[in-house]
Amino acid sequence: MSVTVTIKVRRELVELADKMISYGLARSRSHAFNIMIEKGLKEVLGEVEYWDNVYKKVEELKKQGFKLRHGGLSRILEEDRGR
């Protein structure tokens, strides 16, 4: 059973929640904060850092002229999320 509560958090935590959503690790901010609470901030920071690195490496490959087939990156990222 879910209960709504209102809390104030540091801006960095909201930014972390937004990154979790953009990487597909959470469906919403509420979901992201629940994951942070359940897993702990340290583990969540590690996951987000991992995905930050993945996206940076993809951008480096694009700059080097590598072409990704349509849907190829999505498939790779989905497989990696299951790790």
N, C-alpha and C. Protein backbone atom coordinates (compact mmCIF):
# COMPACT_ATOMS: atom_id res chain seq x y z
N MET A 1 0.85 -1.18 0.00
CA MET A 1 0.00 0.00 0.00
C MET A 1 0.89 1.24 0.00
N SER A 2 0.66 2.13 -0.91
CA SER A 2 1.44 3.36 -1.01
C SER A 2 0.78 4.48 -0.24
N VAL A 3 1.63 5.31 0.36
CA VAL A 3 1.17 6.48 1.09
C VAL A 3 1.96 7.67 0.57
N THR A 4 1.30 8.77 0.31
CA THR A 4 1.96 9.97 -0.19
C THR A 4 2.50 10.78 0.98
N VAL A 5 3.78 11.18 0.84
CA VAL A 5 4.40 12.07 1.82
C VAL A 5 5.12 13.17 1.06
N THR A 6 5.27 14.30 1.70
CA THR A 6 5.99 15.41 1.09
C THR A 6 7.28 15.61 1.88
N ILE A 7 8.40 15.63 1.15
CA ILE A 7 9.69 15.83 1.81
C ILE A 7 10.53 16.81 1.00
N LYS A 8 11.49 17.44 1.64
CA LYS A 8 12.46 18.27 0.94
C LYS A 8 13.74 17.48 0.83
N VAL A 9 14.34 17.51 -0.36
CA VAL A 9 15.60 16.80 -0.59
C VAL A 9 16.59 17.75 -1.27
N ARG A 10 17.86 17.40 -1.20
CA ARG A 10 18.87 18.20 -1.87
C ARG A 10 18.66 18.15 -3.38
N ARG A 11 19.00 19.23 -4.04
CA ARG A 11 18.87 19.33 -5.50
C ARG A 11 19.61 18.19 -6.20
N GLU A 12 20.77 17.78 -5.65
CA GLU A 12 21.56 16.70 -6.25
C GLU A 12 20.76 15.40 -6.32
N LEU A 13 19.92 15.15 -5.31
CA LEU A 13 19.12 13.93 -5.30
C LEU A 13 18.03 13.98 -6.36
N VAL A 14 17.46 15.16 -6.58
CA VAL A 14 16.45 15.31 -7.63
C VAL A 14 17.11 15.10 -8.99
N GLU A 15 18.31 15.66 -9.17
CA GLU A 15 19.04 15.47 -10.44
C GLU A 15 19.38 14.00 -10.65
N LEU A 16 19.75 13.31 -9.56
CA LEU A 16 20.02 11.88 -9.66
C LEU A 16 18.76 11.12 -10.06
N ALA A 17 17.64 11.47 -9.47
CA ALA A 17 16.36 10.83 -9.80
C ALA A 17 16.03 11.05 -11.27
N ASP A 18 16.25 12.27 -11.76
CA ASP A 18 15.97 12.57 -13.17
C ASP A 18 16.87 11.76 -14.10
N LYS A 19 18.14 11.57 -13.71
CA LYS A 19 19.04 10.74 -14.51
C LYS A 19 18.56 9.29 -14.52
N MET A 20 18.11 8.81 -13.37
CA MET A 20 17.61 7.43 -13.30
C MET A 20 16.45 7.24 -14.26
N ILE A 21 15.59 8.24 -14.35
CA ILE A 21 14.45 8.17 -15.27
C ILE A 21 14.94 8.19 -16.71
N SER A 22 15.88 9.08 -17.02
CA SER A 22 16.35 9.19 -18.41
C SER A 22 17.08 7.93 -18.85
N TYR A 23 17.72 7.21 -17.93
CA TYR A 23 18.43 5.97 -18.27
C TYR A 23 17.52 4.75 -18.19
N GLY A 24 16.26 4.97 -17.83
CA GLY A 24 15.33 3.84 -17.77
C GLY A 24 15.46 3.01 -16.51
N LEU A 25 16.13 3.55 -15.50
CA LEU A 25 16.30 2.82 -14.25
C LEU A 25 15.09 3.01 -13.33
N ALA A 26 14.30 4.05 -13.58
CA ALA A 26 13.10 4.32 -12.79
C ALA A 26 12.03 4.90 -13.71
N ARG A 27 10.77 4.67 -13.35
CA ARG A 27 9.64 5.14 -14.17
C ARG A 27 9.25 6.58 -13.85
N SER A 28 9.56 7.01 -12.62
CA SER A 28 9.16 8.35 -12.18
C SER A 28 10.08 8.77 -11.04
N ARG A 29 9.96 10.03 -10.63
CA ARG A 29 10.75 10.48 -9.49
C ARG A 29 10.39 9.70 -8.24
N SER A 30 9.11 9.46 -8.06
CA SER A 30 8.67 8.69 -6.90
C SER A 30 9.33 7.31 -6.90
N HIS A 31 9.31 6.66 -8.05
CA HIS A 31 9.94 5.35 -8.19
C HIS A 31 11.44 5.45 -7.92
N ALA A 32 12.08 6.49 -8.44
CA ALA A 32 13.52 6.69 -8.24
C ALA A 32 13.84 6.84 -6.75
N PHE A 33 13.06 7.65 -6.04
CA PHE A 33 13.33 7.84 -4.61
C PHE A 33 13.09 6.56 -3.83
N ASN A 34 12.09 5.78 -4.23
CA ASN A 34 11.87 4.50 -3.56
C ASN A 34 13.06 3.55 -3.79
N ILE A 35 13.61 3.56 -5.00
CA ILE A 35 14.78 2.73 -5.29
C ILE A 35 15.96 3.20 -4.43
N MET A 36 16.16 4.52 -4.34
CA MET A 36 17.25 5.05 -3.51
C MET A 36 17.10 4.60 -2.07
N ILE A 37 15.90 4.63 -1.57
CA ILE A 37 15.65 4.24 -0.18
C ILE A 37 15.91 2.74 -0.01
N GLU A 38 15.39 1.94 -0.94
CA GLU A 38 15.49 0.49 -0.81
C GLU A 38 16.91 -0.03 -1.05
N LYS A 39 17.58 0.47 -2.09
CA LYS A 39 18.92 -0.01 -2.43
C LYS A 39 20.02 0.71 -1.67
N GLY A 40 19.75 1.93 -1.31
CA GLY A 40 20.77 2.77 -0.68
C GLY A 40 21.40 3.68 -1.72
N LEU A 41 21.75 4.85 -1.29
CA LEU A 41 22.27 5.89 -2.19
C LEU A 41 23.56 5.45 -2.86
N LYS A 42 24.44 4.79 -2.13
CA LYS A 42 25.74 4.39 -2.68
C LYS A 42 25.57 3.46 -3.89
N GLU A 43 24.69 2.49 -3.79
CA GLU A 43 24.47 1.55 -4.90
C GLU A 43 23.84 2.26 -6.10
N VAL A 44 22.89 3.14 -5.85
CA VAL A 44 22.24 3.88 -6.93
C VAL A 44 23.25 4.80 -7.63
N LEU A 45 24.10 5.47 -6.85
CA LEU A 45 25.13 6.33 -7.46
C LEU A 45 26.04 5.50 -8.36
N GLY A 46 26.38 4.31 -7.95
CA GLY A 46 27.22 3.43 -8.76
C GLY A 46 26.55 3.05 -10.07
N GLU A 47 25.25 2.73 -10.01
CA GLU A 47 24.51 2.38 -11.23
C GLU A 47 24.45 3.56 -12.19
N VAL A 48 24.13 4.73 -11.68
CA VAL A 48 24.01 5.92 -12.53
C VAL A 48 25.38 6.28 -13.11
N GLU A 49 26.43 6.15 -12.32
CA GLU A 49 27.78 6.43 -12.83
C GLU A 49 28.12 5.47 -13.98
N TYR A 50 27.74 4.21 -13.83
CA TYR A 50 27.95 3.23 -14.90
C TYR A 50 27.27 3.69 -16.19
N TRP A 51 26.00 4.10 -16.10
CA TRP A 51 25.27 4.53 -17.29
C TRP A 51 25.79 5.85 -17.84
N ASP A 52 26.26 6.74 -16.96
CA ASP A 52 26.92 7.96 -17.45
C ASP A 52 28.10 7.59 -18.35
N ASN A 53 28.90 6.64 -17.90
CA ASN A 53 30.07 6.20 -18.67
C ASN A 53 29.67 5.55 -19.99
N VAL A 54 28.61 4.74 -19.97
CA VAL A 54 28.15 4.10 -21.20
C VAL A 54 27.76 5.16 -22.23
N TYR A 55 26.98 6.14 -21.80
CA TYR A 55 26.54 7.18 -22.74
C TYR A 55 27.70 8.04 -23.23
N LYS A 56 28.68 8.32 -22.35
CA LYS A 56 29.85 9.08 -22.77
C LYS A 56 30.64 8.31 -23.82
N LYS A 57 30.80 7.01 -23.61
CA LYS A 57 31.54 6.19 -24.57
C LYS A 57 30.82 6.12 -25.92
N VAL A 58 29.51 6.07 -25.88
CA VAL A 58 28.73 6.06 -27.13
C VAL A 58 28.95 7.37 -27.88
N GLU A 59 28.95 8.48 -27.16
CA GLU A 59 29.19 9.77 -27.81
C GLU A 59 30.59 9.83 -28.41
N GLU A 60 31.58 9.26 -27.72
CA GLU A 60 32.94 9.21 -28.25
C GLU A 60 32.98 8.40 -29.55
N LEU A 61 32.28 7.27 -29.56
CA LEU A 61 32.24 6.44 -30.77
C LEU A 61 31.60 7.20 -31.93
N LYS A 62 30.54 7.94 -31.64
CA LYS A 62 29.88 8.72 -32.69
C LYS A 62 30.83 9.76 -33.26
N LYS A 63 31.61 10.43 -32.38
CA LYS A 63 32.56 11.43 -32.84
C LYS A 63 33.66 10.82 -33.70
N GLN A 64 33.97 9.54 -33.46
CA GLN A 64 34.99 8.85 -34.24
C GLN A 64 34.44 8.30 -35.55
N GLY A 65 33.15 8.50 -35.78
CA GLY A 65 32.56 8.11 -37.04
C GLY A 65 31.86 6.76 -37.04
N PHE A 66 31.77 6.11 -35.89
CA PHE A 66 31.07 4.84 -35.84
C PHE A 66 29.58 5.08 -36.02
N LYS A 67 28.95 4.20 -36.76
CA LYS A 67 27.50 4.27 -36.99
C LYS A 67 26.84 3.10 -36.28
N LEU A 68 25.79 3.40 -35.55
CA LEU A 68 25.02 2.35 -34.89
C LEU A 68 23.79 2.06 -35.73
N ARG A 69 23.55 0.78 -35.94
CA ARG A 69 22.33 0.40 -36.67
C ARG A 69 21.12 0.81 -35.85
N HIS A 70 20.04 1.10 -36.54
CA HIS A 70 18.80 1.51 -35.89
C HIS A 70 18.39 0.44 -34.87
N GLY A 71 18.22 0.87 -33.63
CA GLY A 71 17.79 -0.04 -32.58
C GLY A 71 18.92 -0.82 -31.94
N GLY A 72 20.09 -0.78 -32.53
CA GLY A 72 21.21 -1.56 -31.99
C GLY A 72 21.63 -1.10 -30.61
N LEU A 73 21.72 0.20 -30.40
CA LEU A 73 22.12 0.71 -29.10
C LEU A 73 21.06 0.38 -28.05
N SER A 74 19.80 0.53 -28.41
CA SER A 74 18.74 0.22 -27.45
C SER A 74 18.82 -1.23 -26.99
N ARG A 75 19.07 -2.13 -27.94
CA ARG A 75 19.16 -3.55 -27.60
C ARG A 75 20.34 -3.80 -26.65
N ILE A 76 21.49 -3.18 -26.96
CA ILE A 76 22.68 -3.34 -26.12
C ILE A 76 22.40 -2.80 -24.71
N LEU A 77 21.79 -1.61 -24.64
CA LEU A 77 21.53 -1.01 -23.35
C LEU A 77 20.53 -1.84 -22.54
N GLU A 78 19.51 -2.39 -23.19
CA GLU A 78 18.54 -3.21 -22.49
C GLU A 78 19.20 -4.48 -21.95
N GLU A 79 20.08 -5.08 -22.76
CA GLU A 79 20.78 -6.28 -22.30
C GLU A 79 21.67 -5.94 -21.11
N ASP A 80 22.33 -4.78 -21.15
CA ASP A 80 23.23 -4.39 -20.09
C ASP A 80 22.48 -4.04 -18.81
N ARG A 81 21.27 -3.54 -18.94
CA ARG A 81 20.49 -3.19 -17.74
C ARG A 81 20.17 -4.44 -16.94
N GLY A 82 20.12 -5.57 -17.61
CA GLY A 82 19.81 -6.82 -16.93
C GLY A 82 20.98 -7.37 -16.12
N ARG A 83 22.13 -6.69 -16.18
CA ARG A 83 23.32 -7.22 -15.49
C ARG A 83 23.17 -7.23 -14.01
